[in-house]
Amino acid sequence: MEHGKLDEARKWALFGLLAGLSLVLIIYTVQPRVPQSLTTDEKDLKWYTEHDEAIKEASRTGKNVFMVFSASWCPACQKLESETLQNTEVQRRLAEDFIAVKIDVDTSPALSSRYRIYGVPTVIILDPSGNEIGRREGYMSPDELISYLG
């Protein structure tokens, strides 16, 4: 008789465990897939990799172009990418006011030469016509970049 009570208790414990796991799975499934650190504005940020395409989009929208020249082997570039360009406020500002472009100096030597890139990271701001209106070389913190963007 005691054996039957033990089996009954195990059944209820297993049922409770399965019900709890099912609830967790349901909650996980219905959650939005956008990371919580991003808002609607940030997820609208599109990074161009083609210079000419970005210039055309800037001309069409009337937005300035934010170009960042970097290299995979550059520690300051990696820090700019991970700490500054991933910052929520930086992404919001770029998405609202700029056409953003990332240029790898190793795969785009002609473009790097055209813009006289002598060190990385280098940020260049172009007006919608493609004329350079600002330049800053070296790492910038999120606050420094936001201040630089005006």
Protein backbone atom coordinates (compact mmCIF):
# COMPACT_ATOMS: atom_id res chain seq x y z
CA MET A 1 0.00 0.00 0.00
CA GLU A 2 2.82 2.40 0.81
CA HIS A 3 4.34 1.61 -2.54
CA GLY A 4 1.15 2.84 -4.25
CA LYS A 5 1.20 6.12 -2.32
CA LEU A 6 4.83 6.67 -3.32
CA ASP A 7 4.00 6.10 -6.99
CA GLU A 8 1.06 8.51 -6.71
CA ALA A 9 3.32 11.19 -5.15
CA ARG A 10 5.89 10.70 -7.92
CA LYS A 11 3.20 11.11 -10.56
CA TRP A 12 2.06 14.41 -9.03
CA ALA A 13 5.64 15.65 -8.67
CA LEU A 14 6.35 14.79 -12.30
CA PHE A 15 3.10 16.47 -13.36
CA GLY A 16 4.07 19.64 -11.44
CA LEU A 17 7.53 19.65 -12.98
CA LEU A 18 6.16 19.24 -16.50
CA ALA A 19 3.53 21.93 -15.93
CA GLY A 20 6.21 24.35 -14.68
CA LEU A 21 8.50 23.64 -17.63
CA SER A 22 5.60 24.08 -20.04
CA LEU A 23 4.80 27.47 -18.52
CA VAL A 24 8.42 28.59 -18.86
CA LEU A 25 8.47 27.43 -22.49
CA ILE A 26 5.23 29.28 -23.28
CA ILE A 27 6.51 32.51 -21.71
CA TYR A 28 9.80 32.24 -23.59
CA THR A 29 8.03 31.55 -26.89
CA VAL A 30 5.73 34.59 -26.76
CA GLN A 31 8.44 37.09 -25.77
CA PRO A 32 9.59 39.49 -28.49
CA ARG A 33 12.70 38.43 -30.36
CA VAL A 34 14.27 41.93 -30.39
CA PRO A 35 16.91 42.22 -27.65
CA GLN A 36 15.57 44.25 -24.74
CA SER A 37 18.54 46.62 -24.93
CA LEU A 38 17.30 47.86 -28.31
CA THR A 39 14.33 50.11 -28.90
CA THR A 40 12.51 50.73 -32.13
CA ASP A 41 14.90 53.57 -33.02
CA GLU A 42 18.08 51.54 -32.59
CA LYS A 43 16.92 48.57 -34.59
CA ASP A 44 16.31 50.92 -37.52
CA LEU A 45 20.05 51.70 -37.73
CA LYS A 46 21.41 50.29 -40.95
CA TRP A 47 25.15 50.07 -41.46
CA TYR A 48 26.19 50.45 -45.08
CA THR A 49 29.42 48.88 -46.29
CA GLU A 50 29.35 50.42 -49.77
CA HIS A 51 30.41 54.06 -49.89
CA ASP A 52 28.61 54.99 -53.13
CA GLU A 53 25.36 53.39 -51.99
CA ALA A 54 25.50 55.38 -48.74
CA ILE A 55 26.15 58.65 -50.60
CA LYS A 56 23.12 58.00 -52.83
CA GLU A 57 20.97 57.33 -49.77
CA ALA A 58 22.24 60.51 -48.08
CA SER A 59 21.41 62.52 -51.18
CA ARG A 60 17.94 60.98 -51.30
CA THR A 61 17.19 61.54 -47.58
CA GLY A 62 19.10 64.78 -46.98
CA LYS A 63 20.98 63.18 -44.08
CA ASN A 64 24.68 63.56 -43.38
CA VAL A 65 26.93 60.51 -43.71
CA PHE A 66 28.75 59.05 -40.69
CA MET A 67 31.73 57.02 -41.93
CA VAL A 68 33.97 55.03 -39.64
CA PHE A 69 37.22 53.66 -41.06
CA SER A 70 38.61 50.76 -39.05
CA ALA A 71 40.55 47.50 -39.20
CA SER A 72 40.04 44.10 -37.60
CA TRP A 73 43.58 44.12 -36.16
CA CYS A 74 43.13 47.51 -34.44
CA PRO A 75 42.45 47.40 -30.65
CA ALA A 76 41.09 50.97 -30.59
CA CYS A 77 38.73 50.06 -33.46
CA GLN A 78 37.48 47.01 -31.58
CA LYS A 79 36.87 49.15 -28.50
CA LEU A 80 35.03 51.77 -30.58
CA GLU A 81 32.86 49.01 -32.06
CA SER A 82 32.06 47.19 -28.81
CA GLU A 83 31.73 50.13 -26.42
CA THR A 84 30.71 53.14 -28.49
CA LEU A 85 28.93 52.00 -31.64
CA GLN A 86 26.87 49.45 -29.66
CA ASN A 87 25.74 52.13 -27.19
CA THR A 88 21.96 52.63 -27.24
CA GLU A 89 22.10 56.43 -27.36
CA VAL A 90 24.79 56.45 -30.08
CA GLN A 91 22.73 54.05 -32.18
CA ARG A 92 19.61 56.17 -31.68
CA ARG A 93 21.42 59.34 -32.83
CA LEU A 94 22.96 57.63 -35.84
CA ALA A 95 19.65 56.07 -36.88
CA GLU A 96 17.80 59.39 -36.61
CA ASP A 97 20.28 61.77 -38.16
CA PHE A 98 22.84 59.94 -40.29
CA ILE A 99 23.50 57.39 -42.98
CA ALA A 100 26.06 55.15 -41.24
CA VAL A 101 28.91 53.48 -43.11
CA LYS A 102 31.64 51.12 -41.91
CA ILE A 103 34.75 50.92 -44.07
CA ASP A 104 37.51 48.35 -43.53
CA VAL A 105 40.81 49.97 -44.51
CA ASP A 106 42.32 46.61 -45.45
CA THR A 107 39.59 45.70 -47.93
CA SER A 108 39.06 49.27 -49.21
CA PRO A 109 42.56 50.73 -49.73
CA ALA A 110 41.50 53.06 -52.58
CA LEU A 111 38.72 54.59 -50.50
CA SER A 112 41.07 54.90 -47.52
CA SER A 113 43.57 56.70 -49.74
CA ARG A 114 40.87 58.95 -51.22
CA TYR A 115 39.89 60.11 -47.72
CA ARG A 116 43.52 60.33 -46.54
CA ILE A 117 43.16 57.79 -43.74
CA TYR A 118 46.48 57.64 -41.92
CA GLY A 119 45.31 56.08 -38.67
CA VAL A 120 42.36 54.09 -37.42
CA PRO A 121 39.75 54.41 -36.20
CA THR A 122 38.84 57.56 -38.11
CA VAL A 123 35.33 59.02 -38.20
CA ILE A 124 34.42 61.29 -41.10
CA ILE A 125 31.18 63.22 -41.46
CA LEU A 126 30.01 64.07 -44.97
CA ASP A 127 27.16 66.35 -45.97
CA PRO A 128 24.39 64.84 -48.16
CA SER A 129 26.37 65.82 -51.27
CA GLY A 130 29.42 63.86 -50.12
CA ASN A 131 31.57 66.82 -49.03
CA GLU A 132 33.65 66.30 -45.89
CA ILE A 133 32.45 68.50 -43.02
CA GLY A 134 34.13 66.79 -40.07
CA ARG A 135 36.87 64.35 -39.12
CA ARG A 136 38.06 62.79 -35.90
CA GLU A 137 40.82 60.21 -35.48
CA GLY A 138 41.12 57.79 -32.57
CA TYR A 139 38.82 56.17 -30.06
CA MET A 140 35.83 58.14 -28.77
CA SER A 141 33.68 57.15 -25.80
CA PRO A 142 29.90 57.15 -26.32
CA ASP A 143 29.62 60.59 -24.65
CA GLU A 144 32.46 62.00 -26.76
CA LEU A 145 30.90 60.72 -29.98
CA ILE A 146 27.44 62.03 -29.10
CA SER A 147 28.97 65.42 -28.31
CA TYR A 148 30.93 65.33 -31.58
CA LEU A 149 27.77 64.55 -33.54
CA GLY A 150 26.22 67.72 -32.11
